[in-house]
Amino acid sequence: MSDFKLSKPKVIDLFCGVGGLSHGFVQEDINVLAGIDIDETCRFAFERNNNSKFISKSITEISADEITEIYGDSNIKILVGCAPCQNFSSYMFKDKEKESNKWKLLYEFSRLIKNVQPEIVSMENVAQLLNFKKAPVFQDFLDNLTDLGYYVHYEVVYCPDYGIPQNRKRLILLASKFGDIKLIPKTHTKENYITVKDAIGSLSPIKDGEKDKNDIIHFSRKLTPKNKKRIKATPYGGSWKDWSEDLKLDCHKKDSGKSYPSVYGRMVWEKPSPTMTTHCIGYGNGRFGHPEQDRAISLREAALLQTFPLDYKFVENKDYNSTVIARQIGNAVPVKLGQVVAQSIKAHLKELGKV
């Protein structure tokens, strides 16, 4: 057993989902005590893969006393979380009528930090949160941390710089009661980014609507006859712009449609993938077409691009709702990004002699 396991730093993961962030800590031998999420469908995957307790509860219902009780005798309490990022989309910034509620979850995160005062805090979210004028909640979040005596570091991370095969940008915040804290240095450059081929190139070929007999979530949705024609007409790295007029949607023929060049697109082997979303296995929802096979990417391929290990179990049996699993995968923090956060915290604690 590692020294880190013996030193009792312990993690509670708010908004844990199926455990992407938590699993990054697990891979670094940091004990994850519990994950909290309102989505009960995430329970199996979270508990099965992280040997941890799933608490199905809204953060608004969780008290500081409950969190403190879970931590028990931990001498280093680590509180992490990623508030659902739909609240911080461009659309939400424009919707003034929702102003009173849209930041609620991050304020609840602040409430728990204030009342529990864990030694370490990490928050992951969309980069748009840095728009202070439109999203004052982040400045309030920072002010709460500094008022409580935390040393705070935050930056926008480009995921390929840390070995994640996905063109995702995320805001990472680290805060510590012990002293200055920062992310570990970048591990990759453009010359050695992990690519789509690195991540999914070794999987068995499948057809749309087919499940791999050895991996039930290596499954790609069945395409309609029209969409089957469309993907066959899409060249390597291409999109709807490469189709004949009879295959194009009416919206694509309008000037406004030209602003969506990647819709119905194919990925390419040599680069990281586009950002995975909750609709990542839908052919028409982005550049989610397989580079070579005439189908959208499978659930397993989406999970691998989110850096979940190949043996990560999302379902108990063969009967599952692919829409639910796609949502869980798309909402997750990439496991490797969770590992980067965990490595940064480990380096910080070791540097200060706390473990």
Protein backbone atom coordinates (compact mmCIF):
# COMPACT_ATOMS: atom_id res chain seq x y z
CA MET A 1 0.00 0.00 0.00
CA SER A 2 1.33 3.45 -0.91
CA ASP A 3 2.29 6.08 1.66
CA PHE A 4 -0.49 8.20 0.23
CA LYS A 5 -3.09 5.62 1.17
CA LEU A 6 -1.75 5.54 4.72
CA SER A 7 -1.70 9.32 5.24
CA LYS A 8 -5.48 9.69 5.23
CA PRO A 9 -6.21 12.43 2.68
CA LYS A 10 -9.81 11.72 1.72
CA VAL A 11 -12.04 12.96 -1.08
CA ILE A 12 -15.73 13.75 -1.38
CA ASP A 13 -16.93 14.43 -4.91
CA LEU A 14 -19.92 16.74 -5.39
CA PHE A 15 -21.86 16.35 -8.67
CA CYS A 16 -19.95 13.08 -9.12
CA GLY A 17 -21.94 11.57 -12.00
CA VAL A 18 -20.52 8.18 -13.03
CA GLY A 19 -17.18 9.02 -11.45
CA GLY A 20 -14.83 10.53 -14.03
CA LEU A 21 -13.24 12.97 -11.59
CA SER A 22 -13.31 10.49 -8.72
CA HIS A 23 -11.65 7.79 -10.79
CA GLY A 24 -8.72 10.10 -11.45
CA PHE A 25 -8.15 10.22 -7.68
CA VAL A 26 -8.63 6.46 -7.37
CA GLN A 27 -5.90 5.93 -9.97
CA GLU A 28 -3.60 8.06 -7.82
CA ASP A 29 -4.31 6.01 -4.68
CA ILE A 30 -6.30 8.76 -2.99
CA ASN A 31 -9.28 7.46 -1.05
CA VAL A 32 -12.64 8.65 -2.40
CA LEU A 33 -15.12 8.31 0.44
CA ALA A 34 -18.28 9.29 -1.39
CA GLY A 35 -19.81 10.85 -4.44
CA ILE A 36 -22.94 12.96 -4.28
CA ASP A 37 -25.27 13.42 -7.24
CA ILE A 38 -28.98 13.87 -7.81
CA ASP A 39 -28.94 11.41 -10.75
CA GLU A 40 -29.68 7.96 -9.34
CA THR A 41 -28.84 6.32 -12.69
CA CYS A 42 -25.16 7.01 -11.97
CA ARG A 43 -25.07 4.84 -8.84
CA PHE A 44 -23.99 1.54 -10.40
CA ALA A 45 -21.07 2.92 -12.43
CA PHE A 46 -19.83 5.17 -9.62
CA GLU A 47 -19.85 2.49 -6.93
CA ARG A 48 -18.73 -0.38 -9.18
CA ASN A 49 -15.61 1.37 -10.44
CA ASN A 50 -14.56 3.49 -7.47
CA ASN A 51 -15.22 1.26 -4.47
CA SER A 52 -17.01 4.19 -2.94
CA LYS A 53 -20.42 5.22 -1.65
CA PHE A 54 -22.92 6.98 -3.92
CA ILE A 55 -25.30 9.38 -2.21
CA SER A 56 -28.34 10.23 -4.33
CA LYS A 57 -29.13 13.71 -3.12
CA SER A 58 -29.22 17.27 -4.40
CA ILE A 59 -26.41 19.45 -3.11
CA THR A 60 -29.10 21.83 -1.86
CA GLU A 61 -30.19 19.10 0.57
CA ILE A 62 -26.71 18.23 1.86
CA SER A 63 -25.64 19.79 5.14
CA ALA A 64 -22.12 20.59 6.30
CA ASP A 65 -22.64 18.19 9.21
CA GLU A 66 -23.31 15.33 6.80
CA ILE A 67 -20.14 16.09 4.87
CA THR A 68 -18.08 16.36 8.06
CA GLU A 69 -19.43 13.04 9.31
CA ILE A 70 -18.44 11.31 6.07
CA TYR A 71 -14.88 12.64 6.36
CA GLY A 72 -14.58 11.12 9.83
CA ASP A 73 -11.00 11.14 11.13
CA SER A 74 -9.43 12.41 7.89
CA ASN A 75 -6.58 14.79 8.62
CA ILE A 76 -6.71 16.20 5.08
CA LYS A 77 -10.21 16.76 3.70
CA ILE A 78 -10.41 17.22 -0.08
CA LEU A 79 -13.70 18.54 -1.50
CA VAL A 80 -14.04 18.49 -5.29
CA GLY A 81 -16.79 18.94 -7.81
CA CYS A 82 -18.03 20.07 -11.19
CA ALA A 83 -21.39 21.84 -11.05
CA PRO A 84 -23.43 20.90 -14.15
CA CYS A 85 -22.09 23.17 -16.87
CA GLN A 86 -25.35 23.68 -18.79
CA ASN A 87 -25.93 26.54 -16.37
CA PHE A 88 -22.97 28.35 -17.87
CA SER A 89 -23.71 27.93 -21.57
CA SER A 90 -23.86 30.90 -23.94
CA TYR A 91 -27.64 30.52 -24.04
CA MET A 92 -27.94 30.82 -20.30
CA PHE A 93 -25.85 33.98 -20.26
CA LYS A 94 -28.47 35.57 -22.52
CA ASP A 95 -31.49 34.43 -20.51
CA LYS A 96 -31.97 37.15 -17.90
CA GLU A 97 -35.18 35.58 -16.58
CA LYS A 98 -33.19 32.66 -15.17
CA GLU A 99 -30.67 34.91 -13.43
CA SER A 100 -31.87 34.10 -9.92
CA ASN A 101 -31.46 30.31 -10.19
CA LYS A 102 -28.78 29.58 -12.74
CA TRP A 103 -25.86 29.98 -10.34
CA LYS A 104 -27.51 28.16 -7.45
CA LEU A 105 -25.38 25.02 -7.52
CA LEU A 106 -22.06 26.85 -7.41
CA TYR A 107 -23.29 28.98 -4.52
CA GLU A 108 -24.25 25.76 -2.73
CA PHE A 109 -20.70 24.51 -3.33
CA SER A 110 -19.46 27.73 -1.69
CA ARG A 111 -21.80 27.18 1.25
CA LEU A 112 -20.35 23.76 1.94
CA ILE A 113 -16.77 25.03 1.63
CA LYS A 114 -17.51 27.80 4.13
CA ASN A 115 -19.14 25.48 6.66
CA VAL A 116 -16.87 22.44 6.28
CA GLN A 117 -13.61 24.26 5.46
CA PRO A 118 -11.78 21.32 3.87
CA GLU A 119 -8.03 21.66 3.59
CA ILE A 120 -8.12 21.31 -0.23
CA VAL A 121 -10.77 22.32 -2.76
CA SER A 122 -10.92 21.71 -6.51
CA MET A 123 -13.59 22.95 -8.91
CA GLU A 124 -13.83 22.07 -12.61
CA ASN A 125 -16.13 23.82 -15.06
CA VAL A 126 -16.55 25.45 -18.45
CA ALA A 127 -14.13 28.19 -19.48
CA GLN A 128 -17.03 30.65 -19.99
CA LEU A 129 -17.28 30.93 -16.23
CA LEU A 130 -14.33 33.34 -16.38
CA ASN A 131 -16.57 35.97 -17.96
CA PHE A 132 -16.91 37.89 -14.70
CA LYS A 133 -19.29 40.49 -16.09
CA LYS A 134 -21.80 37.89 -17.21
CA ALA A 135 -21.05 35.31 -14.53
CA PRO A 136 -20.38 37.12 -11.23
CA VAL A 137 -20.86 33.81 -9.44
CA PHE A 138 -17.23 32.86 -10.13
CA GLN A 139 -15.91 36.07 -8.58
CA ASP A 140 -18.15 35.37 -5.59
CA PHE A 141 -16.75 31.83 -5.45
CA LEU A 142 -13.20 33.22 -5.44
CA ASP A 143 -14.03 35.86 -2.82
CA ASN A 144 -15.46 33.19 -0.53
CA LEU A 145 -12.26 31.14 -0.79
CA THR A 146 -9.92 34.07 -0.15
CA ASP A 147 -12.04 35.30 2.75
CA LEU A 148 -11.67 31.83 4.29
CA GLY A 149 -7.90 31.96 3.97
CA TYR A 150 -7.36 29.69 0.97
CA TYR A 151 -4.51 30.07 -1.49
CA VAL A 152 -6.18 29.91 -4.90
CA HIS A 153 -4.97 29.03 -8.38
CA TYR A 154 -7.11 28.70 -11.51
CA GLU A 155 -6.51 28.39 -15.23
CA VAL A 156 -8.14 27.23 -18.44
CA VAL A 157 -6.73 23.87 -19.48
CA TYR A 158 -6.58 22.66 -23.09
CA CYS A 159 -7.11 18.94 -22.57
CA PRO A 160 -4.70 17.62 -25.26
CA ASP A 161 -1.88 19.32 -23.33
CA TYR A 162 -2.44 16.68 -20.64
CA GLY A 163 -2.80 13.59 -22.81
CA ILE A 164 -6.57 13.75 -23.28
CA PRO A 165 -7.55 12.99 -26.91
CA GLN A 166 -10.25 15.63 -27.06
CA ASN A 167 -10.38 19.31 -28.06
CA ARG A 168 -11.93 20.31 -24.76
CA LYS A 169 -11.12 23.45 -22.76
CA ARG A 170 -11.96 23.42 -19.07
CA LEU A 171 -11.54 25.77 -16.15
CA ILE A 172 -9.65 24.13 -13.28
CA LEU A 173 -9.48 25.73 -9.83
CA LEU A 174 -7.32 24.52 -6.96
CA ALA A 175 -7.41 25.97 -3.46
CA SER A 176 -5.42 25.05 -0.36
CA LYS A 177 -5.31 26.08 3.29
CA PHE A 178 -1.64 25.07 3.40
CA GLY A 179 0.01 27.38 0.85
CA ASP A 180 0.45 28.07 -2.85
CA ILE A 181 -0.92 25.34 -5.11
CA LYS A 182 -0.83 24.92 -8.86
CA LEU A 183 -1.41 22.38 -11.61
CA ILE A 184 1.38 20.06 -12.63
CA PRO A 185 3.23 21.09 -15.83
CA LYS A 186 1.76 20.13 -19.20
CA THR A 187 2.64 16.61 -20.23
CA HIS A 188 2.12 16.81 -24.01
CA THR A 189 2.72 19.15 -26.93
CA LYS A 190 1.17 19.35 -30.38
CA GLU A 191 3.88 16.98 -31.63
CA ASN A 192 2.72 14.14 -29.37
CA TYR A 193 -0.95 14.79 -28.64
CA ILE A 194 -2.99 11.63 -28.08
CA THR A 195 -5.16 11.14 -31.16
CA VAL A 196 -8.47 9.54 -32.03
CA LYS A 197 -6.56 6.58 -33.46
CA ASP A 198 -4.53 6.20 -30.26
CA ALA A 199 -7.74 6.13 -28.25
CA ILE A 200 -10.15 4.03 -30.32
CA GLY A 201 -8.23 2.66 -33.29
CA SER A 202 -7.84 -0.84 -31.86
CA LEU A 203 -11.55 -1.51 -31.27
CA SER A 204 -13.35 -4.10 -33.37
CA PRO A 205 -15.27 -2.79 -36.38
CA ILE A 206 -19.05 -2.71 -35.91
CA LYS A 207 -21.99 -1.59 -38.00
CA ASP A 208 -24.60 0.97 -36.99
CA GLY A 209 -27.17 -0.64 -34.71
CA GLU A 210 -24.72 -3.41 -33.77
CA LYS A 211 -23.22 -4.37 -30.40
CA ASP A 212 -19.80 -5.98 -30.09
CA LYS A 213 -20.26 -9.47 -28.66
CA ASN A 214 -17.37 -8.91 -26.24
CA ASP A 215 -18.32 -5.38 -25.12
CA ILE A 216 -22.00 -4.50 -24.85
CA ILE A 217 -21.42 -0.75 -24.85
CA HIS A 218 -19.34 -0.87 -28.01
CA PHE A 219 -22.64 -0.03 -29.66
CA SER A 220 -23.50 2.50 -32.35
CA ARG A 221 -27.03 3.69 -32.92
CA LYS A 222 -28.91 2.51 -35.98
CA LEU A 223 -28.96 5.16 -38.69
CA THR A 224 -32.04 6.03 -40.70
CA PRO A 225 -31.81 5.08 -44.39
CA LYS A 226 -31.32 8.75 -45.30
CA ASN A 227 -28.54 9.23 -42.74
CA LYS A 228 -26.89 6.02 -43.93
CA LYS A 229 -26.68 7.57 -47.39
CA ARG A 230 -25.34 10.77 -45.87
CA ILE A 231 -22.49 9.19 -43.97
CA LYS A 232 -21.52 7.09 -46.98
CA ALA A 233 -21.33 10.35 -48.93
CA THR A 234 -19.12 11.96 -46.27
CA PRO A 235 -15.41 11.67 -47.07
CA TYR A 236 -12.66 11.30 -44.49
CA GLY A 237 -12.73 14.39 -42.29
CA GLY A 238 -15.67 15.78 -44.26
CA SER A 239 -19.15 16.97 -43.33
CA TRP A 240 -22.55 17.83 -44.81
CA LYS A 241 -20.83 20.36 -47.06
CA ASP A 242 -19.56 17.44 -49.14
CA TRP A 243 -23.03 16.06 -49.90
CA SER A 244 -25.06 16.41 -53.06
CA GLU A 245 -27.99 18.81 -52.81
CA ASP A 246 -30.58 16.04 -52.43
CA LEU A 247 -28.93 14.87 -49.17
CA LYS A 248 -28.65 18.27 -47.52
CA LEU A 249 -31.15 19.42 -44.92
CA ASP A 250 -33.18 22.53 -45.68
CA CYS A 251 -31.48 24.39 -42.82
CA HIS A 252 -28.06 23.75 -44.40
CA LYS A 253 -29.16 25.42 -47.60
CA LYS A 254 -29.81 28.70 -45.76
CA ASP A 255 -27.06 31.21 -44.95
CA SER A 256 -27.58 30.51 -41.23
CA GLY A 257 -26.75 26.84 -41.79
CA LYS A 258 -23.25 27.70 -42.93
CA SER A 259 -22.28 28.46 -39.34
CA TYR A 260 -22.40 24.74 -38.46
CA PRO A 261 -19.61 23.29 -40.61
CA SER A 262 -18.93 20.25 -38.42
CA VAL A 263 -22.47 18.91 -38.12
CA TYR A 264 -22.75 15.41 -39.62
CA GLY A 265 -18.95 15.35 -39.79
CA ARG A 266 -16.41 12.56 -39.54
CA MET A 267 -13.53 12.61 -37.09
CA VAL A 268 -9.97 12.11 -38.32
CA TRP A 269 -7.48 9.61 -36.94
CA GLU A 270 -4.51 11.96 -36.67
CA LYS A 271 -5.97 14.56 -34.27
CA PRO A 272 -7.80 14.70 -30.96
CA SER A 273 -11.58 14.38 -31.18
CA PRO A 274 -14.11 17.17 -30.80
CA THR A 275 -15.50 17.77 -27.32
CA MET A 276 -17.72 14.93 -26.16
CA THR A 277 -21.25 16.03 -25.30
CA THR A 278 -24.37 14.35 -23.96
CA HIS A 279 -25.34 13.74 -27.62
CA CYS A 280 -21.95 12.33 -28.60
CA ILE A 281 -23.32 9.15 -30.20
CA GLY A 282 -25.74 11.05 -32.43
CA TYR A 283 -24.44 11.33 -35.99
CA GLY A 284 -26.22 14.64 -36.61
CA ASN A 285 -25.16 16.31 -33.36
CA GLY A 286 -21.60 17.26 -34.28
CA ARG A 287 -18.45 15.74 -35.76
CA PHE A 288 -19.26 12.38 -34.22
CA GLY A 289 -19.01 10.22 -37.33
CA HIS A 290 -16.43 7.44 -37.18
CA PRO A 291 -13.33 8.24 -39.28
CA GLU A 292 -13.80 5.23 -41.57
CA GLN A 293 -16.80 3.12 -40.64
CA ASP A 294 -20.23 4.29 -41.82
CA ARG A 295 -21.70 5.04 -38.41
CA ALA A 296 -21.54 7.38 -35.46
CA ILE A 297 -19.07 6.60 -32.70
CA SER A 298 -20.09 4.00 -30.14
CA LEU A 299 -20.67 4.45 -26.43
CA ARG A 300 -17.36 2.73 -25.70
CA GLU A 301 -15.52 4.97 -28.14
CA ALA A 302 -17.03 8.05 -26.49
CA ALA A 303 -15.95 6.70 -23.09
CA LEU A 304 -12.39 6.09 -24.31
CA LEU A 305 -12.21 9.60 -25.73
CA GLN A 306 -13.26 10.74 -22.25
CA THR A 307 -10.29 8.63 -21.02
CA PHE A 308 -12.37 6.13 -19.07
CA PRO A 309 -10.42 2.85 -18.90
CA LEU A 310 -11.52 0.11 -21.29
CA ASP A 311 -12.75 -1.99 -18.36
CA TYR A 312 -14.90 0.78 -16.84
CA LYS A 313 -18.35 -0.70 -16.23
CA PHE A 314 -21.28 1.59 -17.00
CA VAL A 315 -24.13 -0.97 -16.97
CA GLU A 316 -25.10 -4.05 -15.01
CA ASN A 317 -26.56 -6.03 -17.89
CA LYS A 318 -27.16 -5.96 -21.61
CA ASP A 319 -30.50 -4.18 -21.30
CA TYR A 320 -29.74 -0.49 -21.00
CA ASN A 321 -30.81 2.90 -22.34
CA SER A 322 -28.11 4.18 -24.68
CA THR A 323 -29.38 7.77 -24.32
CA VAL A 324 -28.82 7.60 -20.55
CA ILE A 325 -25.30 6.19 -20.90
CA ALA A 326 -24.41 8.79 -23.56
CA ARG A 327 -25.58 11.53 -21.20
CA GLN A 328 -23.51 10.10 -18.35
CA ILE A 329 -20.38 9.87 -20.51
CA GLY A 330 -20.85 13.32 -22.03
CA ASN A 331 -21.42 14.94 -18.63
CA ALA A 332 -18.34 13.34 -17.07
CA VAL A 333 -15.04 14.97 -16.26
CA PRO A 334 -12.42 13.14 -18.36
CA VAL A 335 -10.74 10.62 -16.05
CA LYS A 336 -7.29 11.77 -17.12
CA LEU A 337 -8.17 15.36 -16.18
CA GLY A 338 -9.25 14.09 -12.77
CA GLN A 339 -5.90 12.34 -12.52
CA VAL A 340 -4.08 15.59 -13.35
CA VAL A 341 -5.97 17.34 -10.53
CA ALA A 342 -5.13 14.49 -8.15
CA GLN A 343 -1.44 14.54 -9.15
CA SER A 344 -1.34 18.30 -8.59
CA ILE A 345 -2.79 17.91 -5.10
CA LYS A 346 -0.38 15.08 -4.29
CA ALA A 347 2.60 17.15 -5.43
CA HIS A 348 1.40 20.08 -3.33
CA LEU A 349 0.94 17.99 -0.18
CA LYS A 350 4.28 16.24 -0.59
CA GLU A 351 6.12 19.50 -1.22
CA LEU A 352 4.76 20.90 2.05
CA GLY A 353 5.44 17.69 3.96
CA LYS A 354 1.77 17.06 4.69
CA VAL A 355 1.95 13.41 3.60
